[in-house]
Amino acid sequence: MQFDDDADLDTSEVQDVRGSRVPGGRATIGGGIAGIVAVILGLFFGVGPEQLGLSSGDPEPVATSSSQSEVAKACRKGVDANTREDCRIVAVVNNVQDFWRAEFQRRGGRYSPAQTVIFTGQVRTACGTATAEVGPFYCPADRKVYLDLGFFDDLRTRFGATGGSFAQAYVVAHEYGHHVQNLLGTLQRAQDGQQGAGSNAVRVELQADCYAGVWAHHAAASPDERTGRRLLTLLTDQDIRDGLDAAAAVGDDRIQARYQGRVTPESWTHGSAAQRQEWFHTGYRTGDMARCNTFR
């Protein structure tokens, strides 16, 4: 995955609160391996920590830093995205949102952008307090994506993914798939509290995988609406394989087998490794969000 060295990055779409103190003290997410596994199985790549009852009191705004953020200082051009992980996230967020702006406009709608919040350790959101153990998630209440960059190391070391820059892009694009679902009203309609292989919870996650694939289909062809220049200039077959591998690594069956020694489809919330790969590939192969109806 390669970005145009001279392309401008828009850091206003990423809020960097790394190193900031979270108001309200310690998060209420359960500690120890049992608590970690419960979080992983229930929320991984999910929609808001309140799904697991992880909120701690009334919603509060995310912590903010008093000084200029690292990404605002360091992430100016595409060349920075090609050399720094945090700048790469900025570039992916820019590219993903440029695509969805154009796609909504093409369909006669209007896309409302969402910020990505990069944090370390723990963060307080409008969906409650969460720690890095939750993994990346989207909060519908404040329309933000939350991401601890340390997760990408965990994706390789704890979940067996091959990694790669596009594996990171897939994660970000999946969360913005949830934002698209929120704008379209899908999230609200699908929230029934049920789990299992055929549940709406699984269908929501598989659709977000498909939307990530739709973006990937168009990613290297989508011009930056601010400059008219293509921000992402190269996407290879290996990049797509890395994305498919990451999708498989976070399948419910893979995670359950790794952490609890058995597979229990009745408790699935995200879908199997094969399903996640299949729906990402459906989006990538067709480039058509209409083909992402996982609720049929």
C-alpha atoms as a PDB file:
ATOM      1  CA  MET A   1       0.000   0.000   0.000  1.00  0.00           C
ATOM      2  CA  GLN A   2       1.572   3.260  -1.121  1.00  0.00           C
ATOM      3  CA  PHE A   3       0.483   6.887  -0.753  1.00  0.00           C
ATOM      4  CA  ASP A   4       1.363   9.799  -2.997  1.00  0.00           C
ATOM      5  CA  ASP A   5       4.406  11.386  -1.319  1.00  0.00           C
ATOM      6  CA  ASP A   6       3.229  14.907  -2.201  1.00  0.00           C
ATOM      7  CA  ALA A   7      -0.447  14.521  -1.235  1.00  0.00           C
ATOM      8  CA  ASP A   8      -1.712  16.677   1.625  1.00  0.00           C
ATOM      9  CA  LEU A   9      -3.040  14.938   4.758  1.00  0.00           C
ATOM     10  CA  ASP A  10      -6.034  16.303   6.668  1.00  0.00           C
ATOM     11  CA  THR A  11      -5.244  15.774  10.351  1.00  0.00           C
ATOM     12  CA  SER A  12      -8.538  17.381  11.418  1.00  0.00           C
ATOM     13  CA  GLU A  13     -10.159  13.962  10.827  1.00  0.00           C
ATOM     14  CA  VAL A  14      -7.976  12.346  13.522  1.00  0.00           C
ATOM     15  CA  GLN A  15      -7.939  13.370  17.170  1.00  0.00           C
ATOM     16  CA  ASP A  16      -4.702  12.375  18.896  1.00  0.00           C
ATOM     17  CA  VAL A  17      -5.100  12.053  22.680  1.00  0.00           C
ATOM     18  CA  ARG A  18      -2.175   9.739  23.347  1.00  0.00           C
ATOM     19  CA  GLY A  19      -0.608  10.567  26.675  1.00  0.00           C
ATOM     20  CA  SER A  20      -3.661  12.483  27.878  1.00  0.00           C
ATOM     21  CA  ARG A  21      -5.159  11.796  31.277  1.00  0.00           C
ATOM     22  CA  VAL A  22      -8.652  10.320  31.166  1.00  0.00           C
ATOM     23  CA  PRO A  23     -11.026  12.071  33.614  1.00  0.00           C
ATOM     24  CA  GLY A  24     -12.941   9.928  36.052  1.00  0.00           C
ATOM     25  CA  GLY A  25     -10.225   7.520  37.132  1.00  0.00           C
ATOM     26  CA  ARG A  26      -9.890   3.864  36.286  1.00  0.00           C
ATOM     27  CA  ALA A  27     -12.045   2.185  33.662  1.00  0.00           C
ATOM     28  CA  THR A  28     -14.555  -0.406  34.844  1.00  0.00           C
ATOM     29  CA  ILE A  29     -13.666  -3.104  32.320  1.00  0.00           C
ATOM     30  CA  GLY A  30     -12.913  -6.382  34.085  1.00  0.00           C
ATOM     31  CA  GLY A  31      -9.255  -7.203  34.644  1.00  0.00           C
ATOM     32  CA  GLY A  32      -7.362 -10.462  34.306  1.00  0.00           C
ATOM     33  CA  ILE A  33      -7.425 -12.966  31.477  1.00  0.00           C
ATOM     34  CA  ALA A  34     -11.095 -13.848  32.014  1.00  0.00           C
ATOM     35  CA  GLY A  35     -12.118 -10.227  31.671  1.00  0.00           C
ATOM     36  CA  ILE A  36      -9.914  -9.743  28.642  1.00  0.00           C
ATOM     37  CA  VAL A  37     -11.324 -12.796  26.892  1.00  0.00           C
ATOM     38  CA  ALA A  38     -14.890 -11.673  27.627  1.00  0.00           C
ATOM     39  CA  VAL A  39     -14.151  -8.319  26.032  1.00  0.00           C
ATOM     40  CA  ILE A  40     -12.433  -9.863  23.023  1.00  0.00           C
ATOM     41  CA  LEU A  41     -15.224 -12.351  22.372  1.00  0.00           C
ATOM     42  CA  GLY A  42     -17.970  -9.806  22.834  1.00  0.00           C
ATOM     43  CA  LEU A  43     -16.787  -6.585  21.248  1.00  0.00           C
ATOM     44  CA  PHE A  44     -13.702  -7.063  19.073  1.00  0.00           C
ATOM     45  CA  PHE A  45     -14.025  -4.613  16.150  1.00  0.00           C
ATOM     46  CA  GLY A  46     -17.418  -3.735  17.579  1.00  0.00           C
ATOM     47  CA  VAL A  47     -19.841  -0.912  18.120  1.00  0.00           C
ATOM     48  CA  GLY A  48     -19.443   0.830  21.483  1.00  0.00           C
ATOM     49  CA  PRO A  49     -18.334  -0.646  24.830  1.00  0.00           C
ATOM     50  CA  GLU A  50     -21.837  -0.302  26.270  1.00  0.00           C
ATOM     51  CA  GLN A  51     -22.711  -3.499  24.415  1.00  0.00           C
ATOM     52  CA  LEU A  52     -20.952  -5.416  27.179  1.00  0.00           C
ATOM     53  CA  GLY A  53     -22.130  -3.217  30.015  1.00  0.00           C
ATOM     54  CA  LEU A  54     -18.694  -1.609  30.184  1.00  0.00           C
ATOM     55  CA  SER A  55     -19.900   1.959  30.621  1.00  0.00           C
ATOM     56  CA  SER A  56     -18.959   3.663  33.862  1.00  0.00           C
ATOM     57  CA  GLY A  57     -21.543   6.251  34.729  1.00  0.00           C
ATOM     58  CA  ASP A  58     -22.787   9.114  32.613  1.00  0.00           C
ATOM     59  CA  PRO A  59     -21.137   9.727  29.242  1.00  0.00           C
ATOM     60  CA  GLU A  60     -18.234  12.168  29.345  1.00  0.00           C
ATOM     61  CA  PRO A  61     -16.208  13.674  26.546  1.00  0.00           C
ATOM     62  CA  VAL A  62     -12.984  12.010  25.499  1.00  0.00           C
ATOM     63  CA  ALA A  63      -9.797  13.278  27.109  1.00  0.00           C
ATOM     64  CA  THR A  64      -8.061  15.971  25.133  1.00  0.00           C
ATOM     65  CA  SER A  65      -4.469  17.094  25.029  1.00  0.00           C
ATOM     66  CA  SER A  66      -3.554  20.676  25.892  1.00  0.00           C
ATOM     67  CA  SER A  67      -0.713  20.812  23.372  1.00  0.00           C
ATOM     68  CA  GLN A  68      -0.719  20.303  19.635  1.00  0.00           C
ATOM     69  CA  SER A  69      -1.103  16.598  18.919  1.00  0.00           C
ATOM     70  CA  GLU A  70       1.695  14.496  17.500  1.00  0.00           C
ATOM     71  CA  VAL A  71      -0.205  13.749  14.290  1.00  0.00           C
ATOM     72  CA  ALA A  72      -0.951  17.432  13.715  1.00  0.00           C
ATOM     73  CA  LYS A  73       2.758  18.215  13.927  1.00  0.00           C
ATOM     74  CA  ALA A  74       4.181  15.204  12.091  1.00  0.00           C
ATOM     75  CA  CYS A  75       1.592  14.134   9.517  1.00  0.00           C
ATOM     76  CA  ARG A  76       1.596  16.687   6.728  1.00  0.00           C
ATOM     77  CA  LYS A  77       2.158  14.751   3.490  1.00  0.00           C
ATOM     78  CA  GLY A  78       1.734  11.319   1.966  1.00  0.00           C
ATOM     79  CA  VAL A  79       5.435  10.684   2.467  1.00  0.00           C
ATOM     80  CA  ASP A  80       4.776  10.820   6.214  1.00  0.00           C
ATOM     81  CA  ALA A  81       2.058   8.187   5.805  1.00  0.00           C
ATOM     82  CA  ASN A  82       4.562   5.960   4.019  1.00  0.00           C
ATOM     83  CA  THR A  83       7.011   6.157   6.922  1.00  0.00           C
ATOM     84  CA  ARG A  84       4.960   6.577  10.152  1.00  0.00           C
ATOM     85  CA  GLU A  85       2.188   4.352  11.482  1.00  0.00           C
ATOM     86  CA  ASP A  86       0.106   7.154  13.011  1.00  0.00           C
ATOM     87  CA  CYS A  87       0.360   9.183   9.795  1.00  0.00           C
ATOM     88  CA  ARG A  88      -0.701   6.093   7.844  1.00  0.00           C
ATOM     89  CA  ILE A  89      -3.890   5.989   9.922  1.00  0.00           C
ATOM     90  CA  VAL A  90      -4.526   9.647   9.045  1.00  0.00           C
ATOM     91  CA  ALA A  91      -4.080   8.882   5.352  1.00  0.00           C
ATOM     92  CA  VAL A  92      -6.375   5.850   5.488  1.00  0.00           C
ATOM     93  CA  VAL A  93      -9.067   7.820   7.341  1.00  0.00           C
ATOM     94  CA  ASN A  94      -8.807  10.581   4.721  1.00  0.00           C
ATOM     95  CA  ASN A  95      -9.029   8.087   1.867  1.00  0.00           C
ATOM     96  CA  VAL A  96     -11.915   6.098   3.365  1.00  0.00           C
ATOM     97  CA  GLN A  97     -13.962   9.224   4.030  1.00  0.00           C
ATOM     98  CA  ASP A  98     -13.236  10.699   0.609  1.00  0.00           C
ATOM     99  CA  PHE A  99     -14.669   7.535  -0.904  1.00  0.00           C
ATOM    100  CA  TRP A 100     -17.810   7.551   1.242  1.00  0.00           C
ATOM    101  CA  ARG A 101     -18.405  11.253   0.592  1.00  0.00           C
ATOM    102  CA  ALA A 102     -18.349  10.564  -3.136  1.00  0.00           C
ATOM    103  CA  GLU A 103     -20.439   7.408  -2.801  1.00  0.00           C
ATOM    104  CA  PHE A 104     -23.165   9.093  -0.747  1.00  0.00           C
ATOM    105  CA  GLN A 105     -23.239  12.013  -3.183  1.00  0.00           C
ATOM    106  CA  ARG A 106     -23.499   9.616  -6.118  1.00  0.00           C
ATOM    107  CA  ARG A 107     -26.518   8.029  -4.453  1.00  0.00           C
ATOM    108  CA  GLY A 108     -28.167  11.374  -3.775  1.00  0.00           C
ATOM    109  CA  GLY A 109     -27.287  11.539  -0.085  1.00  0.00           C
ATOM    110  CA  ARG A 110     -24.878  13.431   2.131  1.00  0.00           C
ATOM    111  CA  TYR A 111     -22.051  11.853   4.103  1.00  0.00           C
ATOM    112  CA  SER A 112     -21.297  13.262   7.573  1.00  0.00           C
ATOM    113  CA  PRO A 113     -17.625  12.695   8.451  1.00  0.00           C
ATOM    114  CA  ALA A 114     -16.479  10.979  11.640  1.00  0.00           C
ATOM    115  CA  GLN A 115     -13.263  11.537  13.563  1.00  0.00           C
ATOM    116  CA  THR A 116     -10.893   8.763  14.574  1.00  0.00           C
ATOM    117  CA  VAL A 117      -9.541   9.125  18.113  1.00  0.00           C
ATOM    118  CA  ILE A 118      -6.068   7.643  18.675  1.00  0.00           C
ATOM    119  CA  PHE A 119      -5.519   6.885  22.361  1.00  0.00           C
ATOM    120  CA  THR A 120      -3.286   4.866  24.653  1.00  0.00           C
ATOM    121  CA  GLY A 121      -4.403   2.681  27.526  1.00  0.00           C
ATOM    122  CA  GLN A 122      -7.947   3.827  28.115  1.00  0.00           C
ATOM    123  CA  VAL A 123     -10.408   6.385  26.847  1.00  0.00           C
ATOM    124  CA  ARG A 124     -13.743   7.817  27.939  1.00  0.00           C
ATOM    125  CA  THR A 125     -16.354   8.147  25.208  1.00  0.00           C
ATOM    126  CA  ALA A 126     -20.033   8.932  24.831  1.00  0.00           C
ATOM    127  CA  CYS A 127     -20.523   5.128  24.867  1.00  0.00           C
ATOM    128  CA  GLY A 128     -18.664   4.704  28.169  1.00  0.00           C
ATOM    129  CA  THR A 129     -15.095   4.094  29.273  1.00  0.00           C
ATOM    130  CA  ALA A 130     -13.002   1.544  27.403  1.00  0.00           C
ATOM    131  CA  THR A 131      -9.448   0.227  27.596  1.00  0.00           C
ATOM    132  CA  ALA A 132      -7.193  -0.877  24.778  1.00  0.00           C
ATOM    133  CA  GLU A 133      -8.208  -4.501  25.462  1.00  0.00           C
ATOM    134  CA  VAL A 134     -11.551  -3.796  23.777  1.00  0.00           C
ATOM    135  CA  GLY A 135      -9.827  -3.377  20.431  1.00  0.00           C
ATOM    136  CA  PRO A 136     -10.883  -0.768  17.861  1.00  0.00           C
ATOM    137  CA  PHE A 137     -14.534   0.266  18.067  1.00  0.00           C
ATOM    138  CA  TYR A 138     -17.055   2.772  16.773  1.00  0.00           C
ATOM    139  CA  CYS A 139     -19.256   4.761  19.153  1.00  0.00           C
ATOM    140  CA  PRO A 140     -22.588   5.707  17.543  1.00  0.00           C
ATOM    141  CA  ALA A 141     -23.380   8.215  20.310  1.00  0.00           C
ATOM    142  CA  ASP A 142     -20.512  10.555  19.407  1.00  0.00           C
ATOM    143  CA  ARG A 143     -19.906   9.210  15.882  1.00  0.00           C
ATOM    144  CA  LYS A 144     -16.214   8.531  16.453  1.00  0.00           C
ATOM    145  CA  VAL A 145     -13.855   5.630  15.834  1.00  0.00           C
ATOM    146  CA  TYR A 146     -11.528   4.746  18.724  1.00  0.00           C
ATOM    147  CA  LEU A 147      -8.164   3.085  18.189  1.00  0.00           C
ATOM    148  CA  ASP A 148      -5.093   2.247  20.277  1.00  0.00           C
ATOM    149  CA  LEU A 149      -2.227   1.693  17.829  1.00  0.00           C
ATOM    150  CA  GLY A 150      -0.844  -1.059  20.077  1.00  0.00           C
ATOM    151  CA  PHE A 151      -3.704  -3.201  18.816  1.00  0.00           C
ATOM    152  CA  PHE A 152      -1.899  -3.767  15.526  1.00  0.00           C
ATOM    153  CA  ASP A 153       0.924  -5.533  17.371  1.00  0.00           C
ATOM    154  CA  ASP A 154      -1.690  -7.653  19.159  1.00  0.00           C
ATOM    155  CA  LEU A 155      -3.250  -8.539  15.817  1.00  0.00           C
ATOM    156  CA  ARG A 156      -0.012 -10.301  14.907  1.00  0.00           C
ATOM    157  CA  THR A 157       1.201 -11.617  18.264  1.00  0.00           C
ATOM    158  CA  ARG A 158      -2.078 -12.543  19.972  1.00  0.00           C
ATOM    159  CA  PHE A 159      -4.314 -13.363  17.033  1.00  0.00           C
ATOM    160  CA  GLY A 160      -1.862 -14.758  14.491  1.00  0.00           C
ATOM    161  CA  ALA A 161      -2.467 -12.344  11.612  1.00  0.00           C
ATOM    162  CA  THR A 162       0.356 -11.742   9.159  1.00  0.00           C
ATOM    163  CA  GLY A 163       0.058  -7.997   9.646  1.00  0.00           C
ATOM    164  CA  GLY A 164       1.044  -5.446   7.043  1.00  0.00           C
ATOM    165  CA  SER A 165      -0.075  -1.899   6.398  1.00  0.00           C
ATOM    166  CA  PHE A 166      -3.266  -2.939   4.635  1.00  0.00           C
ATOM    167  CA  ALA A 167      -4.308  -5.100   7.588  1.00  0.00           C
ATOM    168  CA  GLN A 168      -4.338  -1.824   9.527  1.00  0.00           C
ATOM    169  CA  ALA A 169      -6.303  -0.136   6.749  1.00  0.00           C
ATOM    170  CA  TYR A 170      -8.862  -2.965   6.817  1.00  0.00           C
ATOM    171  CA  VAL A 171      -9.448  -2.405  10.547  1.00  0.00           C
ATOM    172  CA  VAL A 172     -10.024   1.327  10.036  1.00  0.00           C
ATOM    173  CA  ALA A 173     -12.261   0.761   7.005  1.00  0.00           C
ATOM    174  CA  HIS A 174     -14.334  -1.794   8.958  1.00  0.00           C
ATOM    175  CA  GLU A 175     -15.010   0.754  11.707  1.00  0.00           C
ATOM    176  CA  TYR A 176     -16.029   3.356   9.146  1.00  0.00           C
ATOM    177  CA  GLY A 177     -18.354   0.703   7.778  1.00  0.00           C
ATOM    178  CA  HIS A 178     -20.124   0.947  11.126  1.00  0.00           C
ATOM    179  CA  HIS A 179     -20.298   4.715  10.706  1.00  0.00           C
ATOM    180  CA  VAL A 180     -21.951   4.244   7.312  1.00  0.00           C
ATOM    181  CA  GLN A 181     -24.421   1.844   8.954  1.00  0.00           C
ATOM    182  CA  ASN A 182     -25.148   4.463  11.602  1.00  0.00           C
ATOM    183  CA  LEU A 183     -25.814   7.152   8.987  1.00  0.00           C
ATOM    184  CA  LEU A 184     -28.140   4.803   7.103  1.00  0.00           C
ATOM    185  CA  GLY A 185     -30.032   3.760  10.253  1.00  0.00           C
ATOM    186  CA  THR A 186     -28.890   0.134  10.046  1.00  0.00           C
ATOM    187  CA  LEU A 187     -27.267   0.078  13.476  1.00  0.00           C
ATOM    188  CA  GLN A 188     -30.359   1.303  15.266  1.00  0.00           C
ATOM    189  CA  ARG A 189     -32.629  -1.170  13.480  1.00  0.00           C
ATOM    190  CA  ALA A 190     -30.309  -4.098  14.168  1.00  0.00           C
ATOM    191  CA  GLN A 191     -29.730  -3.593  17.902  1.00  0.00           C
ATOM    192  CA  ASP A 192     -31.829  -6.352  19.484  1.00  0.00           C
ATOM    193  CA  GLY A 193     -29.315  -7.693  22.020  1.00  0.00           C
ATOM    194  CA  GLN A 194     -29.201 -11.161  20.437  1.00  0.00           C
ATOM    195  CA  GLN A 195     -26.094 -13.269  19.795  1.00  0.00           C
ATOM    196  CA  GLY A 196     -25.409 -16.308  17.650  1.00  0.00           C
ATOM    197  CA  ALA A 197     -24.353 -17.232  14.138  1.00  0.00           C
ATOM    198  CA  GLY A 198     -27.562 -15.892  12.574  1.00  0.00           C
ATOM    199  CA  SER A 199     -28.012 -12.861  14.818  1.00  0.00           C
ATOM    200  CA  ASN A 200     -28.255  -9.235  13.759  1.00  0.00           C
ATOM    201  CA  ALA A 201     -25.035  -8.602  15.707  1.00  0.00           C
ATOM    202  CA  VAL A 202     -23.160 -10.906  13.343  1.00  0.00           C
ATOM    203  CA  ARG A 203     -24.898  -9.496  10.269  1.00  0.00           C
ATOM    204  CA  VAL A 204     -23.895  -5.948  11.287  1.00  0.00           C
ATOM    205  CA  GLU A 205     -20.241  -6.952  11.582  1.00  0.00           C
ATOM    206  CA  LEU A 206     -20.203  -8.880   8.302  1.00  0.00           C
ATOM    207  CA  GLN A 207     -21.766  -5.931   6.513  1.00  0.00           C
ATOM    208  CA  ALA A 208     -19.039  -3.656   7.920  1.00  0.00           C
ATOM    209  CA  ASP A 209     -16.478  -6.115   6.521  1.00  0.00           C
ATOM    210  CA  CYS A 210     -18.216  -5.931   3.149  1.00  0.00           C
ATOM    211  CA  TYR A 211     -18.218  -2.124   3.223  1.00  0.00           C
ATOM    212  CA  ALA A 212     -14.477  -2.254   3.973  1.00  0.00           C
ATOM    213  CA  GLY A 213     -14.092  -4.386   0.855  1.00  0.00           C
ATOM    214  CA  VAL A 214     -16.133  -1.928  -1.214  1.00  0.00           C
ATOM    215  CA  TRP A 215     -13.783   0.857  -0.159  1.00  0.00           C
ATOM    216  CA  ALA A 216     -10.756  -1.332  -1.004  1.00  0.00           C
ATOM    217  CA  HIS A 217     -12.160  -1.908  -4.505  1.00  0.00           C
ATOM    218  CA  HIS A 218     -12.171   1.841  -5.150  1.00  0.00           C
ATOM    219  CA  ALA A 219      -9.343   2.908  -2.818  1.00  0.00           C
ATOM    220  CA  ALA A 220      -6.561   3.497  -5.306  1.00  0.00           C
ATOM    221  CA  ALA A 221      -8.956   5.187  -7.741  1.00  0.00           C
ATOM    222  CA  SER A 222     -10.638   7.643  -5.363  1.00  0.00           C
ATOM    223  CA  PRO A 223      -9.288  11.205  -5.783  1.00  0.00           C
ATOM    224  CA  ASP A 224      -8.875  13.371  -2.718  1.00  0.00           C
ATOM    225  CA  GLU A 225     -11.808  15.793  -2.930  1.00  0.00           C
ATOM    226  CA  ARG A 226      -9.686  18.612  -1.491  1.00  0.00           C
ATOM    227  CA  THR A 227      -6.827  18.369  -3.996  1.00  0.00           C
ATOM    228  CA  GLY A 228      -8.211  16.308  -6.870  1.00  0.00           C
ATOM    229  CA  ARG A 229      -5.184  14.045  -6.466  1.00  0.00           C
ATOM    230  CA  ARG A 230      -5.204  10.350  -5.658  1.00  0.00           C
ATOM    231  CA  LEU A 231      -3.972   9.935  -2.085  1.00  0.00           C
ATOM    232  CA  LEU A 232      -3.562   6.151  -2.294  1.00  0.00           C
ATOM    233  CA  THR A 233      -1.608   5.292  -5.425  1.00  0.00           C
ATOM    234  CA  LEU A 234      -0.859   1.566  -5.094  1.00  0.00           C
ATOM    235  CA  LEU A 235      -2.789  -1.396  -3.689  1.00  0.00           C
ATOM    236  CA  THR A 236      -1.336  -4.832  -4.409  1.00  0.00           C
ATOM    237  CA  ASP A 237      -2.664  -8.386  -4.359  1.00  0.00           C
ATOM    238  CA  GLN A 238      -0.512  -8.965  -1.273  1.00  0.00           C
ATOM    239  CA  ASP A 239      -2.240  -6.049   0.452  1.00  0.00           C
ATOM    240  CA  ILE A 240      -5.615  -7.675  -0.168  1.00  0.00           C
ATOM    241  CA  ARG A 241      -4.289 -11.017   1.109  1.00  0.00           C
ATOM    242  CA  ASP A 242      -3.155  -9.233   4.288  1.00  0.00           C
ATOM    243  CA  GLY A 243      -6.643  -7.764   4.674  1.00  0.00           C
ATOM    244  CA  LEU A 244      -8.301 -11.159   4.181  1.00  0.00           C
ATOM    245  CA  ASP A 245      -5.881 -12.710   6.671  1.00  0.00           C
ATOM    246  CA  ALA A 246      -6.696 -10.056   9.259  1.00  0.00           C
ATOM    247  CA  ALA A 247     -10.420 -10.645   8.709  1.00  0.00           C
ATOM    248  CA  ALA A 248      -9.952 -14.370   9.305  1.00  0.00           C
ATOM    249  CA  ALA A 249      -7.799 -13.842  12.401  1.00  0.00           C
ATOM    250  CA  VAL A 250     -10.647 -12.051  14.180  1.00  0.00           C
ATOM    251  CA  GLY A 251     -13.368 -14.542  13.300  1.00  0.00           C
ATOM    252  CA  ASP A 252     -15.383 -15.669  16.318  1.00  0.00           C
ATOM    253  CA  ASP A 253     -14.453 -19.323  15.760  1.00  0.00           C
ATOM    254  CA  ARG A 254     -10.712 -18.556  15.610  1.00  0.00           C
ATOM    255  CA  ILE A 255     -10.802 -16.407  18.739  1.00  0.00           C
ATOM    256  CA  GLN A 256     -12.963 -18.855  20.691  1.00  0.00           C
ATOM    257  CA  ALA A 257     -10.758 -21.810  19.767  1.00  0.00           C
ATOM    258  CA  ARG A 258      -7.651 -19.868  20.794  1.00  0.00           C
ATOM    259  CA  TYR A 259      -8.937 -18.478  24.100  1.00  0.00           C
ATOM    260  CA  GLN A 260     -11.542 -20.914  25.371  1.00  0.00           C
ATOM    261  CA  GLY A 261     -10.571 -24.118  23.605  1.00  0.00           C
ATOM    262  CA  ARG A 262     -13.932 -24.704  21.935  1.00  0.00           C
ATOM    263  CA  VAL A 263     -16.192 -23.061  19.370  1.00  0.00           C
ATOM    264  CA  THR A 264     -19.675 -21.995  20.481  1.00  0.00           C
ATOM    265  CA  PRO A 265     -21.620 -20.511  17.522  1.00  0.00           C
ATOM    266  CA  GLU A 266     -24.563 -19.620  19.783  1.00  0.00           C
ATOM    267  CA  SER A 267     -22.426 -16.868  21.343  1.00  0.00           C
ATOM    268  CA  TRP A 268     -20.996 -15.423  18.147  1.00  0.00           C
ATOM    269  CA  THR A 269     -21.178 -11.664  17.681  1.00  0.00           C
ATOM    270  CA  HIS A 270     -18.973 -11.105  14.614  1.00  0.00           C
ATOM    271  CA  GLY A 271     -19.086 -14.180  12.400  1.00  0.00           C
ATOM    272  CA  SER A 272     -16.648 -16.956  11.537  1.00  0.00           C
ATOM    273  CA  ALA A 273     -13.256 -16.489   9.900  1.00  0.00           C
ATOM    274  CA  ALA A 274     -14.645 -17.820   6.618  1.00  0.00           C
ATOM    275  CA  GLN A 275     -17.670 -15.501   6.752  1.00  0.00           C
ATOM    276  CA  ARG A 276     -15.561 -12.428   7.456  1.00  0.00           C
ATOM    277  CA  GLN A 277     -13.260 -13.234   4.557  1.00  0.00           C
ATOM    278  CA  GLU A 278     -16.204 -13.997   2.270  1.00  0.00           C
ATOM    279  CA  TRP A 279     -17.978 -10.700   2.919  1.00  0.00           C
ATOM    280  CA  PHE A 280     -14.818  -8.598   2.683  1.00  0.00           C
ATOM    281  CA  HIS A 281     -14.074 -10.304  -0.635  1.00  0.00           C
ATOM    282  CA  THR A 282     -17.663  -9.734  -1.825  1.00  0.00           C
ATOM    283  CA  GLY A 283     -17.262  -6.016  -1.285  1.00  0.00           C
ATOM    284  CA  TYR A 284     -13.803  -5.959  -2.844  1.00  0.00           C
ATOM    285  CA  ARG A 285     -14.825  -8.021  -5.880  1.00  0.00           C
ATOM    286  CA  THR A 286     -17.992  -6.051  -6.690  1.00  0.00           C
ATOM    287  CA  GLY A 287     -17.232  -2.569  -5.380  1.00  0.00           C
ATOM    288  CA  ASP A 288     -20.982  -2.238  -4.838  1.00  0.00           C
ATOM    289  CA  MET A 289     -22.405  -1.519  -1.382  1.00  0.00           C
ATOM    290  CA  ALA A 290     -25.779  -2.834  -2.588  1.00  0.00           C
ATOM    291  CA  ARG A 291     -24.179  -6.293  -2.642  1.00  0.00           C
ATOM    292  CA  CYS A 292     -23.491  -6.015   1.096  1.00  0.00           C
ATOM    293  CA  ASN A 293     -27.006  -6.922   2.268  1.00  0.00           C
ATOM    294  CA  THR A 294     -26.059  -9.430   4.961  1.00  0.00           C
ATOM    295  CA  PHE A 295     -29.599  -9.264   6.383  1.00  0.00           C
ATOM    296  CA  ARG A 296     -31.210 -11.188   3.524  1.00  0.00           C
END
